[in-house]
């Protein structure tokens, strides 16, 4: 999720060949709620990840993200929490 408008997210997703929809948070409501932004005027979101459980509660939080290892860690944690 980013603060970019939906059209820009869609264009970037198509350029990168993503097979899933990217969400936008132009108003920064979710970023403020989950702690990825500290102000509604912040220029870009912090790189954090939060896994939500079926009940919508935060199951795991990653306040610091390492691009090289993060995707594998999240996938492993998702499988452990929710099954393969």
PDB file of N, CA and C in Angstrom:
ATOM      1  N   UNK A   1       0.849  -1.162   0.000  1.00  0.00           N
ATOM      2  CA  UNK A   1       0.000   0.000   0.000  1.00  0.00           C
ATOM      3  C   UNK A   1       0.899   1.231   0.000  1.00  0.00           C
ATOM      4  N   UNK A   2       0.481   2.229  -0.727  1.00  0.00           N
ATOM      5  CA  UNK A   2       1.250   3.467  -0.769  1.00  0.00           C
ATOM      6  C   UNK A   2       0.287   4.646  -0.747  1.00  0.00           C
ATOM      7  N   UNK A   3       0.852   5.834  -0.736  1.00  0.00           N
ATOM      8  CA  UNK A   3       0.040   7.050  -0.771  1.00  0.00           C
ATOM      9  C   UNK A   3      -0.249   7.499  -2.204  1.00  0.00           C
ATOM     10  N   UNK A   4       0.257   6.773  -3.175  1.00  0.00           N
ATOM     11  CA  UNK A   4       0.042   7.141  -4.572  1.00  0.00           C
ATOM     12  C   UNK A   4      -1.422   6.927  -4.963  1.00  0.00           C
ATOM     13  N   UNK A   5      -1.917   7.704  -5.922  1.00  0.00           N
ATOM     14  CA  UNK A   5      -3.284   7.514  -6.404  1.00  0.00           C
ATOM     15  C   UNK A   5      -3.446   6.124  -7.042  1.00  0.00           C
ATOM     16  N   UNK A   6      -4.661   5.600  -7.061  1.00  0.00           N
ATOM     17  CA  UNK A   6      -4.907   4.270  -7.627  1.00  0.00           C
ATOM     18  C   UNK A   6      -4.378   4.099  -9.052  1.00  0.00           C
ATOM     19  N   UNK A   7      -4.484   5.150  -9.876  1.00  0.00           N
ATOM     20  CA  UNK A   7      -4.027   5.042 -11.266  1.00  0.00           C
ATOM     21  C   UNK A   7      -2.514   4.806 -11.319  1.00  0.00           C
ATOM     22  N   UNK A   8      -1.770   5.506 -10.478  1.00  0.00           N
ATOM     23  CA  UNK A   8      -0.312   5.329 -10.455  1.00  0.00           C
ATOM     24  C   UNK A   8       0.065   3.949  -9.935  1.00  0.00           C
ATOM     25  N   UNK A   9      -0.626   3.488  -8.890  1.00  0.00           N
ATOM     26  CA  UNK A   9      -0.359   2.140  -8.382  1.00  0.00           C
ATOM     27  C   UNK A   9      -0.639   1.089  -9.451  1.00  0.00           C
ATOM     28  N   UNK A  10      -1.749   1.250 -10.170  1.00  0.00           N
ATOM     29  CA  UNK A  10      -2.111   0.283 -11.213  1.00  0.00           C
ATOM     30  C   UNK A  10      -1.083   0.283 -12.340  1.00  0.00           C
ATOM     31  N   UNK A  11      -0.622   1.457 -12.732  1.00  0.00           N
ATOM     32  CA  UNK A  11       0.380   1.541 -13.804  1.00  0.00           C
ATOM     33  C   UNK A  11       1.686   0.891 -13.372  1.00  0.00           C
ATOM     34  N   UNK A  12       2.115   1.131 -12.143  1.00  0.00           N
ATOM     35  CA  UNK A  12       3.356   0.542 -11.642  1.00  0.00           C
ATOM     36  C   UNK A  12       3.219  -0.971 -11.518  1.00  0.00           C
ATOM     37  N   UNK A  13       2.069  -1.444 -11.037  1.00  0.00           N
ATOM     38  CA  UNK A  13       1.839  -2.887 -10.920  1.00  0.00           C
ATOM     39  C   UNK A  13       1.891  -3.549 -12.298  1.00  0.00           C
ATOM     40  N   UNK A  14       1.308  -2.913 -13.301  1.00  0.00           N
ATOM     41  CA  UNK A  14       1.346  -3.460 -14.661  1.00  0.00           C
ATOM     42  C   UNK A  14       2.774  -3.470 -15.192  1.00  0.00           C
ATOM     43  N   UNK A  15       3.511  -2.405 -14.959  1.00  0.00           N
ATOM     44  CA  UNK A  15       4.905  -2.313 -15.407  1.00  0.00           C
ATOM     45  C   UNK A  15       5.762  -3.411 -14.775  1.00  0.00           C
ATOM     46  N   UNK A  16       5.508  -3.719 -13.517  1.00  0.00           N
ATOM     47  CA  UNK A  16       6.284  -4.723 -12.793  1.00  0.00           C
ATOM     48  C   UNK A  16       5.764  -6.144 -13.005  1.00  0.00           C
ATOM     49  N   UNK A  17       4.607  -6.266 -13.649  1.00  0.00           N
ATOM     50  CA  UNK A  17       4.038  -7.588 -13.915  1.00  0.00           C
ATOM     51  C   UNK A  17       3.364  -8.234 -12.706  1.00  0.00           C
ATOM     52  N   UNK A  18       2.955  -7.416 -11.721  1.00  0.00           N
ATOM     53  CA  UNK A  18       2.273  -7.960 -10.549  1.00  0.00           C
ATOM     54  C   UNK A  18       0.940  -8.558 -10.975  1.00  0.00           C
ATOM     55  N   UNK A  19       0.597  -9.666 -10.370  1.00  0.00           N
ATOM     56  CA  UNK A  19      -0.669 -10.322 -10.694  1.00  0.00           C
ATOM     57  C   UNK A  19      -1.690 -10.113  -9.581  1.00  0.00           C
ATOM     58  N   UNK A  20      -1.524  -9.041  -8.851  1.00  0.00           N
ATOM     59  CA  UNK A  20      -2.450  -8.713  -7.775  1.00  0.00           C
ATOM     60  C   UNK A  20      -2.622  -7.200  -7.726  1.00  0.00           C
ATOM     61  N   UNK A  21      -3.691  -6.791  -7.109  1.00  0.00           N
ATOM     62  CA  UNK A  21      -4.023  -5.368  -7.012  1.00  0.00           C
ATOM     63  C   UNK A  21      -3.201  -4.710  -5.904  1.00  0.00           C
ATOM     64  N   UNK A  22      -2.697  -3.518  -6.159  1.00  0.00           N
ATOM     65  CA  UNK A  22      -2.037  -2.726  -5.130  1.00  0.00           C
ATOM     66  C   UNK A  22      -3.057  -1.740  -4.560  1.00  0.00           C
ATOM     67  N   UNK A  23      -3.065  -1.607  -3.277  1.00  0.00           N
ATOM     68  CA  UNK A  23      -4.001  -0.693  -2.632  1.00  0.00           C
ATOM     69  C   UNK A  23      -3.366   0.668  -2.423  1.00  0.00           C
ATOM     70  N   UNK A  24      -4.215   1.671  -2.293  1.00  0.00           N
ATOM     71  CA  UNK A  24      -3.740   3.023  -2.064  1.00  0.00           C
ATOM     72  C   UNK A  24      -4.340   3.585  -0.776  1.00  0.00           C
ATOM     73  N   UNK A  25      -3.607   4.444  -0.144  1.00  0.00           N
ATOM     74  CA  UNK A  25      -4.042   5.098   1.087  1.00  0.00           C
ATOM     75  C   UNK A  25      -3.732   6.586   0.961  1.00  0.00           C
ATOM     76  N   UNK A  26      -4.309   7.198  -0.068  1.00  0.00           N
ATOM     77  CA  UNK A  26      -4.028   8.613  -0.334  1.00  0.00           C
ATOM     78  C   UNK A  26      -4.307   9.497   0.874  1.00  0.00           C
ATOM     79  N   UNK A  27      -5.354   9.192   1.628  1.00  0.00           N
ATOM     80  CA  UNK A  27      -5.710   9.993   2.788  1.00  0.00           C
ATOM     81  C   UNK A  27      -4.910   9.655   4.036  1.00  0.00           C
ATOM     82  N   UNK A  28      -4.102   8.607   3.953  1.00  0.00           N
ATOM     83  CA  UNK A  28      -3.202   8.171   5.035  1.00  0.00           C
ATOM     84  C   UNK A  28      -3.917   7.666   6.280  1.00  0.00           C
ATOM     85  N   UNK A  29      -5.202   7.342   6.167  1.00  0.00           N
ATOM     86  CA  UNK A  29      -5.953   6.865   7.321  1.00  0.00           C
ATOM     87  C   UNK A  29      -5.389   5.551   7.866  1.00  0.00           C
ATOM     88  N   UNK A  30      -5.151   4.594   6.982  1.00  0.00           N
ATOM     89  CA  UNK A  30      -4.615   3.305   7.434  1.00  0.00           C
ATOM     90  C   UNK A  30      -3.183   3.448   7.939  1.00  0.00           C
ATOM     91  N   UNK A  31      -2.386   4.250   7.255  1.00  0.00           N
ATOM     92  CA  UNK A  31      -0.994   4.451   7.680  1.00  0.00           C
ATOM     93  C   UNK A  31      -0.936   5.068   9.075  1.00  0.00           C
ATOM     94  N   UNK A  32      -1.800   6.014   9.339  1.00  0.00           N
ATOM     95  CA  UNK A  32      -1.843   6.622  10.668  1.00  0.00           C
ATOM     96  C   UNK A  32      -2.320   5.610  11.708  1.00  0.00           C
ATOM     97  N   UNK A  33      -3.330   4.838  11.371  1.00  0.00           N
ATOM     98  CA  UNK A  33      -3.887   3.854  12.305  1.00  0.00           C
ATOM     99  C   UNK A  33      -2.865   2.768  12.661  1.00  0.00           C
ATOM    100  N   UNK A  34      -2.152   2.256  11.648  1.00  0.00           N
ATOM    101  CA  UNK A  34      -1.222   1.154  11.875  1.00  0.00           C
ATOM    102  C   UNK A  34       0.214   1.596  12.164  1.00  0.00           C
ATOM    103  N   UNK A  35       0.471   2.889  12.163  1.00  0.00           N
ATOM    104  CA  UNK A  35       1.785   3.380  12.545  1.00  0.00           C
ATOM    105  C   UNK A  35       2.798   3.504  11.424  1.00  0.00           C
ATOM    106  N   UNK A  36       2.355   3.459  10.173  1.00  0.00           N
ATOM    107  CA  UNK A  36       3.270   3.639   9.045  1.00  0.00           C
ATOM    108  C   UNK A  36       3.472   5.112   8.725  1.00  0.00           C
ATOM    109  N   UNK A  37       2.677   5.970   9.358  1.00  0.00           N
ATOM    110  CA  UNK A  37       2.831   7.418   9.209  1.00  0.00           C
ATOM    111  C   UNK A  37       2.535   8.050  10.560  1.00  0.00           C
ATOM    112  N   UNK A  38       3.197   9.154  10.827  1.00  0.00           N
ATOM    113  CA  UNK A  38       2.968   9.860  12.084  1.00  0.00           C
ATOM    114  C   UNK A  38       2.217  11.173  11.882  1.00  0.00           C
ATOM    115  N   UNK A  39       1.944  11.501  10.607  1.00  0.00           N
ATOM    116  CA  UNK A  39       1.279  12.758  10.295  1.00  0.00           C
ATOM    117  C   UNK A  39       0.492  12.586   8.993  1.00  0.00           C
ATOM    118  N   UNK A  40      -0.659  13.242   8.870  1.00  0.00           N
ATOM    119  CA  UNK A  40      -1.429  13.140   7.628  1.00  0.00           C
ATOM    120  C   UNK A  40      -0.769  13.831   6.442  1.00  0.00           C
ATOM    121  N   UNK A  41       0.313  14.558   6.678  1.00  0.00           N
ATOM    122  CA  UNK A  41       1.019  15.219   5.582  1.00  0.00           C
ATOM    123  C   UNK A  41       2.341  14.525   5.249  1.00  0.00           C
ATOM    124  N   UNK A  42       2.620  13.402   5.901  1.00  0.00           N
ATOM    125  CA  UNK A  42       3.867  12.670   5.645  1.00  0.00           C
ATOM    126  C   UNK A  42       3.956  12.287   4.176  1.00  0.00           C
ATOM    127  N   UNK A  43       5.138  12.456   3.582  1.00  0.00           N
ATOM    128  CA  UNK A  43       5.324  12.230   2.154  1.00  0.00           C
ATOM    129  C   UNK A  43       5.263  10.786   1.706  1.00  0.00           C
ATOM    130  N   UNK A  44       5.777   9.873   2.516  1.00  0.00           N
ATOM    131  CA  UNK A  44       5.731   8.456   2.144  1.00  0.00           C
ATOM    132  C   UNK A  44       5.544   7.619   3.401  1.00  0.00           C
ATOM    133  N   UNK A  45       5.025   6.442   3.204  1.00  0.00           N
ATOM    134  CA  UNK A  45       4.755   5.542   4.326  1.00  0.00           C
ATOM    135  C   UNK A  45       6.033   4.863   4.785  1.00  0.00           C
ATOM    136  N   UNK A  46       6.110   4.576   6.080  1.00  0.00           N
ATOM    137  CA  UNK A  46       7.209   3.784   6.599  1.00  0.00           C
ATOM    138  C   UNK A  46       7.106   2.354   6.096  1.00  0.00           C
ATOM    139  N   UNK A  47       8.221   1.698   5.934  1.00  0.00           N
ATOM    140  CA  UNK A  47       8.232   0.308   5.454  1.00  0.00           C
ATOM    141  C   UNK A  47       8.037  -0.616   6.642  1.00  0.00           C
ATOM    142  N   UNK A  48       6.782  -0.941   6.904  1.00  0.00           N
ATOM    143  CA  UNK A  48       6.432  -1.866   7.960  1.00  0.00           C
ATOM    144  C   UNK A  48       5.497  -2.921   7.382  1.00  0.00           C
ATOM    145  N   UNK A  49       5.352  -4.016   8.101  1.00  0.00           N
ATOM    146  CA  UNK A  49       4.390  -5.045   7.712  1.00  0.00           C
ATOM    147  C   UNK A  49       3.641  -5.472   8.954  1.00  0.00           C
ATOM    148  N   UNK A  50       2.355  -5.663   8.804  1.00  0.00           N
ATOM    149  CA  UNK A  50       1.540  -6.226   9.860  1.00  0.00           C
ATOM    150  C   UNK A  50       0.665  -7.310   9.242  1.00  0.00           C
ATOM    151  N   UNK A  51       0.713  -8.496   9.837  1.00  0.00           N
ATOM    152  CA  UNK A  51      -0.152  -9.585   9.410  1.00  0.00           C
ATOM    153  C   UNK A  51      -1.408  -9.550  10.267  1.00  0.00           C
ATOM    154  N   UNK A  52      -2.550  -9.537   9.606  1.00  0.00           N
ATOM    155  CA  UNK A  52      -3.815  -9.520  10.318  1.00  0.00           C
ATOM    156  C   UNK A  52      -4.405 -10.919  10.323  1.00  0.00           C
ATOM    157  N   UNK A  53      -4.929 -11.324  11.465  1.00  0.00           N
ATOM    158  CA  UNK A  53      -5.588 -12.617  11.585  1.00  0.00           C
ATOM    159  C   UNK A  53      -6.996 -12.549  11.043  1.00  0.00           C
ATOM    160  N   UNK A  54      -7.691 -13.674  11.015  1.00  0.00           N
ATOM    161  CA  UNK A  54      -9.072 -13.714  10.502  1.00  0.00           C
ATOM    162  C   UNK A  54     -10.013 -12.766  11.240  1.00  0.00           C
ATOM    163  N   UNK A  55      -9.695 -12.454  12.488  1.00  0.00           N
ATOM    164  CA  UNK A  55     -10.540 -11.555  13.269  1.00  0.00           C
ATOM    165  C   UNK A  55     -10.204 -10.078  13.044  1.00  0.00           C
ATOM    166  N   UNK A  56      -9.190  -9.807  12.217  1.00  0.00           N
ATOM    167  CA  UNK A  56      -8.786  -8.435  11.921  1.00  0.00           C
ATOM    168  C   UNK A  56      -7.764  -7.871  12.887  1.00  0.00           C
ATOM    169  N   UNK A  57      -7.421  -8.618  13.926  1.00  0.00           N
ATOM    170  CA  UNK A  57      -6.422  -8.167  14.893  1.00  0.00           C
ATOM    171  C   UNK A  57      -5.019  -8.423  14.346  1.00  0.00           C
ATOM    172  N   UNK A  58      -4.066  -7.615  14.768  1.00  0.00           N
ATOM    173  CA  UNK A  58      -2.680  -7.786  14.347  1.00  0.00           C
ATOM    174  C   UNK A  58      -2.145  -9.082  14.950  1.00  0.00           C
ATOM    175  N   UNK A  59      -1.730 -10.014  14.081  1.00  0.00           N
ATOM    176  CA  UNK A  59      -1.175 -11.296  14.529  1.00  0.00           C
ATOM    177  C   UNK A  59       0.339 -11.210  14.672  1.00  0.00           C
ATOM    178  N   UNK A  60       0.989 -10.512  13.761  1.00  0.00           N
ATOM    179  CA  UNK A  60       2.438 -10.300  13.794  1.00  0.00           C
ATOM    180  C   UNK A  60       2.749  -8.928  13.240  1.00  0.00           C
ATOM    181  N   UNK A  61       3.791  -8.318  13.781  1.00  0.00           N
ATOM    182  CA  UNK A  61       4.199  -6.999  13.326  1.00  0.00           C
ATOM    183  C   UNK A  61       5.700  -7.001  13.049  1.00  0.00           C
ATOM    184  N   UNK A  62       6.068  -6.373  11.955  1.00  0.00           N
ATOM    185  CA  UNK A  62       7.473  -6.232  11.559  1.00  0.00           C
ATOM    186  C   UNK A  62       7.774  -4.741  11.446  1.00  0.00           C
ATOM    187  N   UNK A  63       8.282  -4.115  12.510  1.00  0.00           N
ATOM    188  CA  UNK A  63       8.517  -2.669  12.459  1.00  0.00           C
ATOM    189  C   UNK A  63       9.725  -2.281  11.621  1.00  0.00           C
ATOM    190  N   UNK A  64      10.641  -3.214  11.383  1.00  0.00           N
ATOM    191  CA  UNK A  64      11.811  -2.964  10.541  1.00  0.00           C
ATOM    192  C   UNK A  64      11.829  -4.019   9.443  1.00  0.00           C
ATOM    193  N   UNK A  65      11.938  -3.571   8.214  1.00  0.00           N
ATOM    194  CA  UNK A  65      11.858  -4.472   7.069  1.00  0.00           C
ATOM    195  C   UNK A  65      13.183  -4.499   6.325  1.00  0.00           C
ATOM    196  N   UNK A  66      13.727  -5.697   6.124  1.00  0.00           N
ATOM    197  CA  UNK A  66      14.915  -5.885   5.294  1.00  0.00           C
ATOM    198  C   UNK A  66      14.449  -6.454   3.959  1.00  0.00           C
ATOM    199  N   UNK A  67      14.621  -5.692   2.901  1.00  0.00           N
ATOM    200  CA  UNK A  67      14.087  -6.071   1.587  1.00  0.00           C
ATOM    201  C   UNK A  67      14.563  -7.452   1.144  1.00  0.00           C
ATOM    202  N   UNK A  68      15.799  -7.810   1.450  1.00  0.00           N
ATOM    203  CA  UNK A  68      16.347  -9.080   0.988  1.00  0.00           C
ATOM    204  C   UNK A  68      15.753 -10.306   1.648  1.00  0.00           C
ATOM    205  N   UNK A  69      15.397 -10.213   2.924  1.00  0.00           N
ATOM    206  CA  UNK A  69      14.925 -11.388   3.656  1.00  0.00           C
ATOM    207  C   UNK A  69      13.461 -11.321   4.061  1.00  0.00           C
ATOM    208  N   UNK A  70      12.877 -10.153   4.007  1.00  0.00           N
ATOM    209  CA  UNK A  70      11.519  -9.960   4.521  1.00  0.00           C
ATOM    210  C   UNK A  70      10.455 -10.819   3.831  1.00  0.00           C
ATOM    211  N   UNK A  71      10.401 -10.870   2.522  1.00  0.00           N
ATOM    212  CA  UNK A  71       9.341 -11.669   1.891  1.00  0.00           C
ATOM    213  C   UNK A  71       9.350 -13.136   2.343  1.00  0.00           C
ATOM    214  N   UNK A  72      10.519 -13.732   2.419  1.00  0.00           N
ATOM    215  CA  UNK A  72      10.611 -15.127   2.854  1.00  0.00           C
ATOM    216  C   UNK A  72      10.175 -15.305   4.292  1.00  0.00           C
ATOM    217  N   UNK A  73      10.536 -14.362   5.149  1.00  0.00           N
ATOM    218  CA  UNK A  73      10.139 -14.433   6.557  1.00  0.00           C
ATOM    219  C   UNK A  73       8.625 -14.317   6.703  1.00  0.00           C
ATOM    220  N   UNK A  74       8.026 -13.396   5.970  1.00  0.00           N
ATOM    221  CA  UNK A  74       6.577 -13.215   6.042  1.00  0.00           C
ATOM    222  C   UNK A  74       5.867 -14.459   5.525  1.00  0.00           C
ATOM    223  N   UNK A  75       6.327 -15.017   4.423  1.00  0.00           N
ATOM    224  CA  UNK A  75       5.714 -16.232   3.880  1.00  0.00           C
ATOM    225  C   UNK A  75       5.804 -17.379   4.886  1.00  0.00           C
ATOM    226  N   UNK A  76       6.977 -17.543   5.481  1.00  0.00           N
ATOM    227  CA  UNK A  76       7.168 -18.591   6.479  1.00  0.00           C
ATOM    228  C   UNK A  76       6.244 -18.384   7.678  1.00  0.00           C
ATOM    229  N   UNK A  77       6.145 -17.154   8.149  1.00  0.00           N
ATOM    230  CA  UNK A  77       5.271 -16.858   9.281  1.00  0.00           C
ATOM    231  C   UNK A  77       3.801 -17.060   8.925  1.00  0.00           C
ATOM    232  N   UNK A  78       3.403 -16.687   7.715  1.00  0.00           N
ATOM    233  CA  UNK A  78       2.015 -16.906   7.270  1.00  0.00           C
ATOM    234  C   UNK A  78       1.682 -18.401   7.260  1.00  0.00           C
ATOM    235  N   UNK A  79       2.596 -19.198   6.747  1.00  0.00           N
ATOM    236  CA  UNK A  79       2.363 -20.642   6.717  1.00  0.00           C
ATOM    237  C   UNK A  79       2.269 -21.217   8.125  1.00  0.00           C
ATOM    238  N   UNK A  80       3.102 -20.722   9.033  1.00  0.00           N
ATOM    239  CA  UNK A  80       3.059 -21.198  10.411  1.00  0.00           C
ATOM    240  C   UNK A  80       1.755 -20.785  11.107  1.00  0.00           C
ATOM    241  N   UNK A  81       1.303 -19.580  10.838  1.00  0.00           N
ATOM    242  CA  UNK A  81       0.102 -19.075  11.491  1.00  0.00           C
ATOM    243  C   UNK A  81      -1.186 -19.594  10.867  1.00  0.00           C
ATOM    244  N   UNK A  82      -1.220 -19.648   9.537  1.00  0.00           N
ATOM    245  CA  UNK A  82      -2.475 -19.885   8.830  1.00  0.00           C
ATOM    246  C   UNK A  82      -2.494 -21.170   8.022  1.00  0.00           C
ATOM    247  N   UNK A  83      -1.380 -21.877   7.952  1.00  0.00           N
ATOM    248  CA  UNK A  83      -1.292 -23.111   7.169  1.00  0.00           C
ATOM    249  C   UNK A  83      -0.793 -22.851   5.767  1.00  0.00           C
ATOM    250  N   UNK A  84      -0.361 -23.936   5.105  1.00  0.00           N
ATOM    251  CA  UNK A  84       0.187 -23.782   3.738  1.00  0.00           C
ATOM    252  C   UNK A  84      -0.857 -23.366   2.718  1.00  0.00           C
TER     253      UNK A  84
END
